[in-house]
Amino acid sequence: MTIEAFDRVHLDGTGIDRITEDEVVAVVRDALAGGRGGRIITPNVDILRRASADPRVRRHLDDADLIVADGMPLVWASRLGGAPLPERVAGSSLIWSLSEGLGRDGRSIFVVGGAPPSAGKPDGAARAAARLAAAFPGLRIAGSLSPSFGFEYDQARYARVCKRIVRAEPDLVFVGLGFPKQENVIERLREHLPRTWFVGCGAAVNFVAGDVHRAPRWMQRTGLEWAHRLGTEPRRLAGRYLRHDAPYALRLLARAPRRRP
C-alpha cells in the first residue's frame, strides 16, 4: 500500500489524507520494507488554525508524507463539505497501532518526550517504551529520552539529543514534545535518518506512561476529548481552547457547506 493511493480533503488550505488508522500502519510497514522513511503529522483544530495564519507552521504540514485528522471537528467539516474523511486518526492512538504493526515485523522504535525522572521513578519516555514493549513482544526498543525543559534553547544539549537518536538508527521515532517543538526536532533528524519514520504525537507519550489519563472512549468518539483535556489541565489549555480553537472550529464548520460540490 502506497501513500499515492490516497487522495486529500482540503480544509482551510490544508490537505488531509482520506486514510484510516489501519491504512496508516500498512503504509508505514510497506515503506519500511522498501527502505523508505517518512513523516506523519496529525493536525487538530489548533494546528489547522495556526497553519492558516503562520507560514512557519504551514512549512511542517507541507513537509509531511501523511497528514491525518486528529480532531473530530475536522472529520465533521469534511462530511459537511461533501468529501468525508473515513475516521479520526489520533497520535495518541497511532503510538499503539504503529507499535503493534512494527512489532509484527521485529522492528524498532525510539520514544522521545514525557516527564523527567523523579523520586526514583524512570522518566516518562522509558516507562512508555517499556509498556509498549510489554504489549507487543516483537517490538524492539532502540532507545528512549525525556529531554529536560528548555533543551531546544541550548545548542549543545539539542545536538546531544539528536545525536543519541541518530546513533540508535530506529525504524520509527515517536516525538511527544508538543507542537511545534516536536516538528522542529523531526525536521532536524530527517536528513540524518532518511529510512526512518517520524510521528509528532504530542501528549501520547504521557498517556502511554500513565502520567496523564486519556479521555474515555465515548468522549473520543463524540468529539469531547478536548473537554476532558481542559478539565485535567485548565490553566495550560483554557486560553487556547476557549479563546482561539473553539471559535475557529465553529467557523470551519460554518464554511464547510459552501464547499460542497
C-alpha atoms as a PDB file:
ATOM      1  CA  MET A   1       0.000   0.000   0.000  1.00  0.00           C
ATOM      2  CA  THR A   2       1.474   3.350  -1.044  1.00  0.00           C
ATOM      3  CA  ILE A   3       0.829   6.931   0.015  1.00  0.00           C
ATOM      4  CA  GLU A   4      -0.152   7.802  -3.561  1.00  0.00           C
ATOM      5  CA  ALA A   5      -3.207   5.539  -3.247  1.00  0.00           C
ATOM      6  CA  PHE A   6      -4.989   8.130  -1.090  1.00  0.00           C
ATOM      7  CA  ASP A   7      -6.491  11.456  -2.081  1.00  0.00           C
ATOM      8  CA  ARG A   8      -6.677  14.501   0.165  1.00  0.00           C
ATOM      9  CA  VAL A   9      -9.520  16.575   1.533  1.00  0.00           C
ATOM     10  CA  HIS A  10      -8.703  20.279   1.756  1.00  0.00           C
ATOM     11  CA  LEU A  11      -9.767  22.142   4.882  1.00  0.00           C
ATOM     12  CA  ASP A  12      -8.847  25.810   5.117  1.00  0.00           C
ATOM     13  CA  GLY A  13      -5.814  25.309   2.898  1.00  0.00           C
ATOM     14  CA  THR A  14      -4.582  22.072   4.471  1.00  0.00           C
ATOM     15  CA  GLY A  15      -4.782  18.789   2.600  1.00  0.00           C
ATOM     16  CA  ILE A  16      -5.684  15.843   4.852  1.00  0.00           C
ATOM     17  CA  ASP A  17      -5.320  12.262   3.668  1.00  0.00           C
ATOM     18  CA  ARG A  18      -8.507  10.192   3.390  1.00  0.00           C
ATOM     19  CA  ILE A  19      -6.994   7.251   5.214  1.00  0.00           C
ATOM     20  CA  THR A  20      -7.883   5.025   8.155  1.00  0.00           C
ATOM     21  CA  GLU A  21      -5.622   4.223  11.082  1.00  0.00           C
ATOM     22  CA  ASP A  22      -5.150   0.653   9.848  1.00  0.00           C
ATOM     23  CA  GLU A  23      -4.142   2.007   6.449  1.00  0.00           C
ATOM     24  CA  VAL A  24      -1.587   4.341   8.034  1.00  0.00           C
ATOM     25  CA  VAL A  25       0.039   1.346   9.705  1.00  0.00           C
ATOM     26  CA  ALA A  26       0.045  -0.586   6.409  1.00  0.00           C
ATOM     27  CA  VAL A  27       1.656   2.339   4.547  1.00  0.00           C
ATOM     28  CA  VAL A  28       4.418   2.678   7.146  1.00  0.00           C
ATOM     29  CA  ARG A  29       5.152  -1.056   7.236  1.00  0.00           C
ATOM     30  CA  ASP A  30       5.297  -1.261   3.445  1.00  0.00           C
ATOM     31  CA  ALA A  31       7.541   1.798   3.208  1.00  0.00           C
ATOM     32  CA  LEU A  32       9.944   0.430   5.815  1.00  0.00           C
ATOM     33  CA  ALA A  33      10.089  -2.874   3.963  1.00  0.00           C
ATOM     34  CA  GLY A  34      11.143  -0.897   0.896  1.00  0.00           C
ATOM     35  CA  GLY A  35      13.758   1.116   2.791  1.00  0.00           C
ATOM     36  CA  ARG A  36      11.770   4.371   2.672  1.00  0.00           C
ATOM     37  CA  GLY A  37      11.286   6.731   5.588  1.00  0.00           C
ATOM     38  CA  GLY A  38       8.670   9.407   6.074  1.00  0.00           C
ATOM     39  CA  ARG A  39       6.871  11.759   8.384  1.00  0.00           C
ATOM     40  CA  ILE A  40       3.334  11.750   9.773  1.00  0.00           C
ATOM     41  CA  ILE A  41       1.691  14.871  11.144  1.00  0.00           C
ATOM     42  CA  THR A  42      -1.632  14.735  12.979  1.00  0.00           C
ATOM     43  CA  PRO A  43      -3.223  18.204  12.848  1.00  0.00           C
ATOM     44  CA  ASN A  44      -6.049  19.059  15.207  1.00  0.00           C
ATOM     45  CA  VAL A  45      -8.119  22.248  15.236  1.00  0.00           C
ATOM     46  CA  ASP A  46      -5.315  24.202  16.926  1.00  0.00           C
ATOM     47  CA  ILE A  47      -2.683  23.210  14.360  1.00  0.00           C
ATOM     48  CA  LEU A  48      -5.064  23.837  11.456  1.00  0.00           C
ATOM     49  CA  ARG A  49      -5.869  27.293  12.851  1.00  0.00           C
ATOM     50  CA  ARG A  50      -2.214  28.178  13.252  1.00  0.00           C
ATOM     51  CA  ALA A  51      -1.298  26.836   9.814  1.00  0.00           C
ATOM     52  CA  SER A  52      -3.886  29.101   8.211  1.00  0.00           C
ATOM     53  CA  ALA A  53      -2.096  32.177   9.570  1.00  0.00           C
ATOM     54  CA  ASP A  54       1.563  31.253  10.104  1.00  0.00           C
ATOM     55  CA  PRO A  55       3.911  30.187   7.267  1.00  0.00           C
ATOM     56  CA  ARG A  56       6.277  28.596   9.796  1.00  0.00           C
ATOM     57  CA  VAL A  57       3.524  26.196  10.862  1.00  0.00           C
ATOM     58  CA  ARG A  58       2.464  25.649   7.256  1.00  0.00           C
ATOM     59  CA  ARG A  59       6.020  24.506   6.457  1.00  0.00           C
ATOM     60  CA  HIS A  60       5.674  21.493   8.737  1.00  0.00           C
ATOM     61  CA  LEU A  61       2.447  20.429   7.046  1.00  0.00           C
ATOM     62  CA  ASP A  62       3.907  20.883   3.576  1.00  0.00           C
ATOM     63  CA  ASP A  63       6.860  18.662   4.518  1.00  0.00           C
ATOM     64  CA  ALA A  64       4.736  15.731   5.777  1.00  0.00           C
ATOM     65  CA  ASP A  65       4.266  12.496   3.852  1.00  0.00           C
ATOM     66  CA  LEU A  66       0.997  11.682   5.620  1.00  0.00           C
ATOM     67  CA  ILE A  67      -1.399  14.221   7.152  1.00  0.00           C
ATOM     68  CA  VAL A  68      -4.184  12.681   9.237  1.00  0.00           C
ATOM     69  CA  ALA A  69      -7.026  14.331  11.138  1.00  0.00           C
ATOM     70  CA  ASP A  70      -6.513  14.296  14.905  1.00  0.00           C
ATOM     71  CA  GLY A  71      -9.780  16.032  15.744  1.00  0.00           C
ATOM     72  CA  MET A  72     -13.458  15.273  15.216  1.00  0.00           C
ATOM     73  CA  PRO A  73     -14.276  18.853  14.050  1.00  0.00           C
ATOM     74  CA  LEU A  74     -12.037  18.186  11.039  1.00  0.00           C
ATOM     75  CA  VAL A  75     -13.948  14.990  10.278  1.00  0.00           C
ATOM     76  CA  TRP A  76     -17.294  16.788  10.675  1.00  0.00           C
ATOM     77  CA  ALA A  77     -16.188  19.620   8.381  1.00  0.00           C
ATOM     78  CA  SER A  78     -15.117  17.120   5.717  1.00  0.00           C
ATOM     79  CA  ARG A  79     -18.534  15.467   5.864  1.00  0.00           C
ATOM     80  CA  LEU A  80     -20.337  18.786   5.559  1.00  0.00           C
ATOM     81  CA  GLY A  81     -18.110  19.658   2.623  1.00  0.00           C
ATOM     82  CA  GLY A  82     -19.064  16.514   0.735  1.00  0.00           C
ATOM     83  CA  ALA A  83     -15.668  14.756   0.865  1.00  0.00           C
ATOM     84  CA  PRO A  84     -15.776  12.827   4.152  1.00  0.00           C
ATOM     85  CA  LEU A  85     -12.676  11.654   5.935  1.00  0.00           C
ATOM     86  CA  PRO A  86     -13.147   7.995   6.930  1.00  0.00           C
ATOM     87  CA  GLU A  87     -12.275   8.497  10.607  1.00  0.00           C
ATOM     88  CA  ARG A  88     -10.272  10.416  13.142  1.00  0.00           C
ATOM     89  CA  VAL A  89      -6.654   9.240  13.341  1.00  0.00           C
ATOM     90  CA  ALA A  90      -5.159  10.480  16.611  1.00  0.00           C
ATOM     91  CA  GLY A  91      -1.485  10.463  17.532  1.00  0.00           C
ATOM     92  CA  SER A  92      -2.432   9.031  20.913  1.00  0.00           C
ATOM     93  CA  SER A  93      -3.904   6.004  19.109  1.00  0.00           C
ATOM     94  CA  LEU A  94      -1.166   5.712  16.470  1.00  0.00           C
ATOM     95  CA  ILE A  95       1.502   5.224  19.116  1.00  0.00           C
ATOM     96  CA  TRP A  96      -0.215   1.915  19.940  1.00  0.00           C
ATOM     97  CA  SER A  97      -1.223   0.743  16.475  1.00  0.00           C
ATOM     98  CA  LEU A  98       2.109   1.585  14.842  1.00  0.00           C
ATOM     99  CA  SER A  99       3.999  -0.121  17.668  1.00  0.00           C
ATOM    100  CA  GLU A 100       1.861  -3.208  17.188  1.00  0.00           C
ATOM    101  CA  GLY A 101       2.471  -3.182  13.426  1.00  0.00           C
ATOM    102  CA  LEU A 102       6.222  -2.725  13.779  1.00  0.00           C
ATOM    103  CA  GLY A 103       6.283  -5.432  16.432  1.00  0.00           C
ATOM    104  CA  ARG A 104       4.950  -7.904  13.869  1.00  0.00           C
ATOM    105  CA  ASP A 105       7.954  -7.117  11.700  1.00  0.00           C
ATOM    106  CA  GLY A 106      10.507  -7.171  14.524  1.00  0.00           C
ATOM    107  CA  ARG A 107      11.285  -3.503  14.000  1.00  0.00           C
ATOM    108  CA  SER A 108      12.431  -0.812  16.425  1.00  0.00           C
ATOM    109  CA  ILE A 109      11.101   2.426  17.880  1.00  0.00           C
ATOM    110  CA  PHE A 110      12.615   5.330  19.782  1.00  0.00           C
ATOM    111  CA  VAL A 111      10.393   7.246  22.221  1.00  0.00           C
ATOM    112  CA  VAL A 112      11.032  10.935  22.939  1.00  0.00           C
ATOM    113  CA  GLY A 113       9.094  13.034  25.456  1.00  0.00           C
ATOM    114  CA  GLY A 114       7.321  12.518  28.736  1.00  0.00           C
ATOM    115  CA  ALA A 115       8.099  13.651  32.248  1.00  0.00           C
ATOM    116  CA  PRO A 116      11.661  13.708  33.658  1.00  0.00           C
ATOM    117  CA  PRO A 117      12.668  11.119  36.280  1.00  0.00           C
ATOM    118  CA  SER A 118      11.545  11.828  39.827  1.00  0.00           C
ATOM    119  CA  ALA A 119      11.714  10.139  43.239  1.00  0.00           C
ATOM    120  CA  GLY A 120      13.460   7.081  41.852  1.00  0.00           C
ATOM    121  CA  LYS A 121      10.890   6.684  39.068  1.00  0.00           C
ATOM    122  CA  PRO A 122      12.234   6.382  35.497  1.00  0.00           C
ATOM    123  CA  ASP A 123      11.416   9.151  33.065  1.00  0.00           C
ATOM    124  CA  GLY A 124       8.175   9.079  31.087  1.00  0.00           C
ATOM    125  CA  ALA A 125       9.746   8.031  27.796  1.00  0.00           C
ATOM    126  CA  ALA A 126      11.404   4.993  29.389  1.00  0.00           C
ATOM    127  CA  ARG A 127       8.165   3.947  31.070  1.00  0.00           C
ATOM    128  CA  ALA A 128       6.176   4.416  27.850  1.00  0.00           C
ATOM    129  CA  ALA A 129       8.731   2.399  25.866  1.00  0.00           C
ATOM    130  CA  ALA A 130       8.663  -0.392  28.454  1.00  0.00           C
ATOM    131  CA  ARG A 131       4.869  -0.551  28.326  1.00  0.00           C
ATOM    132  CA  LEU A 132       4.832  -0.724  24.525  1.00  0.00           C
ATOM    133  CA  ALA A 133       7.495  -3.438  24.534  1.00  0.00           C
ATOM    134  CA  ALA A 134       5.480  -5.459  27.042  1.00  0.00           C
ATOM    135  CA  ALA A 135       2.314  -5.107  24.961  1.00  0.00           C
ATOM    136  CA  PHE A 136       3.978  -6.108  21.673  1.00  0.00           C
ATOM    137  CA  PRO A 137       6.706  -8.733  22.251  1.00  0.00           C
ATOM    138  CA  GLY A 138       8.213  -8.454  18.740  1.00  0.00           C
ATOM    139  CA  LEU A 139       8.814  -4.740  19.146  1.00  0.00           C
ATOM    140  CA  ARG A 140      12.398  -3.638  19.715  1.00  0.00           C
ATOM    141  CA  ILE A 141      13.196  -0.503  21.727  1.00  0.00           C
ATOM    142  CA  ALA A 142      16.080   1.383  20.123  1.00  0.00           C
ATOM    143  CA  GLY A 143      16.036   3.928  22.925  1.00  0.00           C
ATOM    144  CA  SER A 144      14.056   6.495  24.888  1.00  0.00           C
ATOM    145  CA  LEU A 145      14.707  10.021  26.025  1.00  0.00           C
ATOM    146  CA  SER A 146      12.907  12.674  28.076  1.00  0.00           C
ATOM    147  CA  PRO A 147      14.797  15.896  27.298  1.00  0.00           C
ATOM    148  CA  SER A 148      14.943  18.461  30.064  1.00  0.00           C
ATOM    149  CA  PHE A 149      12.759  21.535  29.782  1.00  0.00           C
ATOM    150  CA  GLY A 150      14.256  24.199  27.538  1.00  0.00           C
ATOM    151  CA  PHE A 151      16.803  21.907  25.892  1.00  0.00           C
ATOM    152  CA  GLU A 152      15.976  23.422  22.491  1.00  0.00           C
ATOM    153  CA  TYR A 153      17.471  26.767  23.578  1.00  0.00           C
ATOM    154  CA  ASP A 154      20.885  25.225  24.297  1.00  0.00           C
ATOM    155  CA  GLN A 155      22.540  24.188  21.057  1.00  0.00           C
ATOM    156  CA  ALA A 156      24.942  21.759  22.759  1.00  0.00           C
ATOM    157  CA  ARG A 157      22.099  19.978  24.586  1.00  0.00           C
ATOM    158  CA  TYR A 158      19.971  19.992  21.444  1.00  0.00           C
ATOM    159  CA  ALA A 159      22.812  18.421  19.453  1.00  0.00           C
ATOM    160  CA  ARG A 160      23.296  15.702  22.100  1.00  0.00           C
ATOM    161  CA  VAL A 161      19.604  14.797  21.981  1.00  0.00           C
ATOM    162  CA  CYS A 162      19.645  14.492  18.197  1.00  0.00           C
ATOM    163  CA  LYS A 163      22.942  12.602  18.134  1.00  0.00           C
ATOM    164  CA  ARG A 164      21.624   9.995  20.556  1.00  0.00           C
ATOM    165  CA  ILE A 165      18.577   9.336  18.382  1.00  0.00           C
ATOM    166  CA  VAL A 166      20.585   9.229  15.148  1.00  0.00           C
ATOM    167  CA  ARG A 167      23.089   6.758  16.615  1.00  0.00           C
ATOM    168  CA  ALA A 168      20.262   4.389  17.591  1.00  0.00           C
ATOM    169  CA  GLU A 169      19.092   4.150  13.941  1.00  0.00           C
ATOM    170  CA  PRO A 170      15.455   3.338  14.860  1.00  0.00           C
ATOM    171  CA  ASP A 171      12.826   2.371  12.316  1.00  0.00           C
ATOM    172  CA  LEU A 172      10.318   4.816  13.814  1.00  0.00           C
ATOM    173  CA  VAL A 173      10.562   7.708  16.265  1.00  0.00           C
ATOM    174  CA  PHE A 174       7.653   8.936  18.378  1.00  0.00           C
ATOM    175  CA  VAL A 175       8.330  12.552  19.356  1.00  0.00           C
ATOM    176  CA  GLY A 176       5.946  13.744  22.066  1.00  0.00           C
ATOM    177  CA  LEU A 177       7.179  17.251  22.852  1.00  0.00           C
ATOM    178  CA  GLY A 178       4.162  19.289  21.787  1.00  0.00           C
ATOM    179  CA  PHE A 179       3.653  21.239  18.599  1.00  0.00           C
ATOM    180  CA  PRO A 180       5.730  22.807  17.077  1.00  0.00           C
ATOM    181  CA  LYS A 181       8.749  21.821  19.171  1.00  0.00           C
ATOM    182  CA  GLN A 182       8.401  18.162  18.178  1.00  0.00           C
ATOM    183  CA  GLU A 183       8.130  19.098  14.494  1.00  0.00           C
ATOM    184  CA  ASN A 184      11.333  21.141  14.704  1.00  0.00           C
ATOM    185  CA  VAL A 185      13.140  18.149  16.220  1.00  0.00           C
ATOM    186  CA  ILE A 186      11.798  15.872  13.478  1.00  0.00           C
ATOM    187  CA  GLU A 187      12.867  18.340  10.802  1.00  0.00           C
ATOM    188  CA  ARG A 188      16.387  18.306  12.207  1.00  0.00           C
ATOM    189  CA  LEU A 189      16.551  14.496  12.379  1.00  0.00           C
ATOM    190  CA  ARG A 190      15.112  13.588   8.989  1.00  0.00           C
ATOM    191  CA  GLU A 191      18.200  14.413   6.942  1.00  0.00           C
ATOM    192  CA  HIS A 192      20.263  12.038   9.093  1.00  0.00           C
ATOM    193  CA  LEU A 193      17.706   9.202   9.139  1.00  0.00           C
ATOM    194  CA  PRO A 194      16.185   9.015   5.629  1.00  0.00           C
ATOM    195  CA  ARG A 195      14.904   5.455   6.161  1.00  0.00           C
ATOM    196  CA  THR A 196      13.183   6.243   9.471  1.00  0.00           C
ATOM    197  CA  TRP A 197       9.540   7.220  10.038  1.00  0.00           C
ATOM    198  CA  PHE A 198       8.654  10.038  12.439  1.00  0.00           C
ATOM    199  CA  VAL A 199       5.418  10.844  14.260  1.00  0.00           C
ATOM    200  CA  GLY A 200       4.845  14.009  16.261  1.00  0.00           C
ATOM    201  CA  CYS A 201       2.487  12.636  18.879  1.00  0.00           C
ATOM    202  CA  GLY A 202       2.004  15.386  21.474  1.00  0.00           C
ATOM    203  CA  ALA A 203       0.749  14.062  24.800  1.00  0.00           C
ATOM    204  CA  ALA A 204       0.721  10.426  23.635  1.00  0.00           C
ATOM    205  CA  VAL A 205       3.941   9.580  25.480  1.00  0.00           C
ATOM    206  CA  ASN A 206       2.412  10.879  28.720  1.00  0.00           C
ATOM    207  CA  PHE A 207      -0.719   8.813  28.072  1.00  0.00           C
ATOM    208  CA  VAL A 208       1.232   5.590  27.487  1.00  0.00           C
ATOM    209  CA  ALA A 209       3.462   6.235  30.504  1.00  0.00           C
ATOM    210  CA  GLY A 210       0.343   6.659  32.658  1.00  0.00           C
ATOM    211  CA  ASP A 211       1.219  10.191  33.796  1.00  0.00           C
ATOM    212  CA  VAL A 212      -1.857  11.669  32.093  1.00  0.00           C
ATOM    213  CA  HIS A 213      -5.117   9.796  31.567  1.00  0.00           C
ATOM    214  CA  ARG A 214      -6.764   9.931  28.179  1.00  0.00           C
ATOM    215  CA  ALA A 215     -10.484  10.647  27.883  1.00  0.00           C
ATOM    216  CA  PRO A 216     -12.951   7.727  27.924  1.00  0.00           C
ATOM    217  CA  ARG A 217     -13.659   6.186  24.530  1.00  0.00           C
ATOM    218  CA  TRP A 218     -17.163   7.680  24.333  1.00  0.00           C
ATOM    219  CA  MET A 219     -15.651  11.171  24.654  1.00  0.00           C
ATOM    220  CA  GLN A 220     -13.080  10.364  21.969  1.00  0.00           C
ATOM    221  CA  ARG A 221     -15.799   9.154  19.579  1.00  0.00           C
ATOM    222  CA  THR A 222     -18.133  12.098  20.163  1.00  0.00           C
ATOM    223  CA  GLY A 223     -15.534  14.831  19.799  1.00  0.00           C
ATOM    224  CA  LEU A 224     -15.425  15.715  23.503  1.00  0.00           C
ATOM    225  CA  GLU A 225     -11.851  14.684  24.251  1.00  0.00           C
ATOM    226  CA  TRP A 226     -10.907  18.369  24.324  1.00  0.00           C
ATOM    227  CA  ALA A 227     -13.272  18.854  27.282  1.00  0.00           C
ATOM    228  CA  HIS A 228     -11.531  16.082  29.190  1.00  0.00           C
ATOM    229  CA  ARG A 229      -8.110  17.590  28.448  1.00  0.00           C
ATOM    230  CA  LEU A 230      -9.377  21.010  29.518  1.00  0.00           C
ATOM    231  CA  GLY A 231     -10.630  19.551  32.791  1.00  0.00           C
ATOM    232  CA  THR A 232      -7.286  17.919  33.549  1.00  0.00           C
ATOM    233  CA  GLU A 233      -5.063  20.864  32.520  1.00  0.00           C
ATOM    234  CA  PRO A 234      -7.260  24.001  32.750  1.00  0.00           C
ATOM    235  CA  ARG A 235      -4.510  26.508  33.428  1.00  0.00           C
ATOM    236  CA  ARG A 236      -2.457  25.468  30.413  1.00  0.00           C
ATOM    237  CA  LEU A 237      -5.258  24.830  27.932  1.00  0.00           C
ATOM    238  CA  ALA A 238      -8.174  27.153  28.777  1.00  0.00           C
ATOM    239  CA  GLY A 239      -6.941  30.163  26.838  1.00  0.00           C
ATOM    240  CA  ARG A 240      -6.035  28.179  23.746  1.00  0.00           C
ATOM    241  CA  TYR A 241      -9.154  26.020  23.653  1.00  0.00           C
ATOM    242  CA  LEU A 242     -11.800  28.596  24.559  1.00  0.00           C
ATOM    243  CA  ARG A 243     -10.410  31.849  23.189  1.00  0.00           C
ATOM    244  CA  HIS A 244      -8.905  30.564  19.937  1.00  0.00           C
ATOM    245  CA  ASP A 245      -9.720  26.968  18.981  1.00  0.00           C
ATOM    246  CA  ALA A 246     -13.460  26.804  19.715  1.00  0.00           C
ATOM    247  CA  PRO A 247     -14.326  29.922  17.638  1.00  0.00           C
ATOM    248  CA  TYR A 248     -12.112  28.675  14.808  1.00  0.00           C
ATOM    249  CA  ALA A 249     -13.790  25.236  14.854  1.00  0.00           C
ATOM    250  CA  LEU A 250     -17.226  26.887  14.612  1.00  0.00           C
ATOM    251  CA  ARG A 251     -16.090  28.991  11.650  1.00  0.00           C
ATOM    252  CA  LEU A 252     -14.616  25.913   9.961  1.00  0.00           C
ATOM    253  CA  LEU A 253     -17.920  24.047  10.295  1.00  0.00           C
ATOM    254  CA  ALA A 254     -19.959  27.059   9.194  1.00  0.00           C
ATOM    255  CA  ARG A 255     -17.927  27.433   5.992  1.00  0.00           C
ATOM    256  CA  ALA A 256     -17.903  23.715   5.138  1.00  0.00           C
ATOM    257  CA  PRO A 257     -21.327  23.505   3.374  1.00  0.00           C
ATOM    258  CA  ARG A 258     -20.239  26.217   0.926  1.00  0.00           C
ATOM    259  CA  ARG A 259     -17.503  23.876  -0.323  1.00  0.00           C
ATOM    260  CA  ARG A 260     -19.932  21.098  -1.136  1.00  0.00           C
ATOM    261  CA  PRO A 261     -19.729  20.206  -4.862  1.00  0.00           C
END
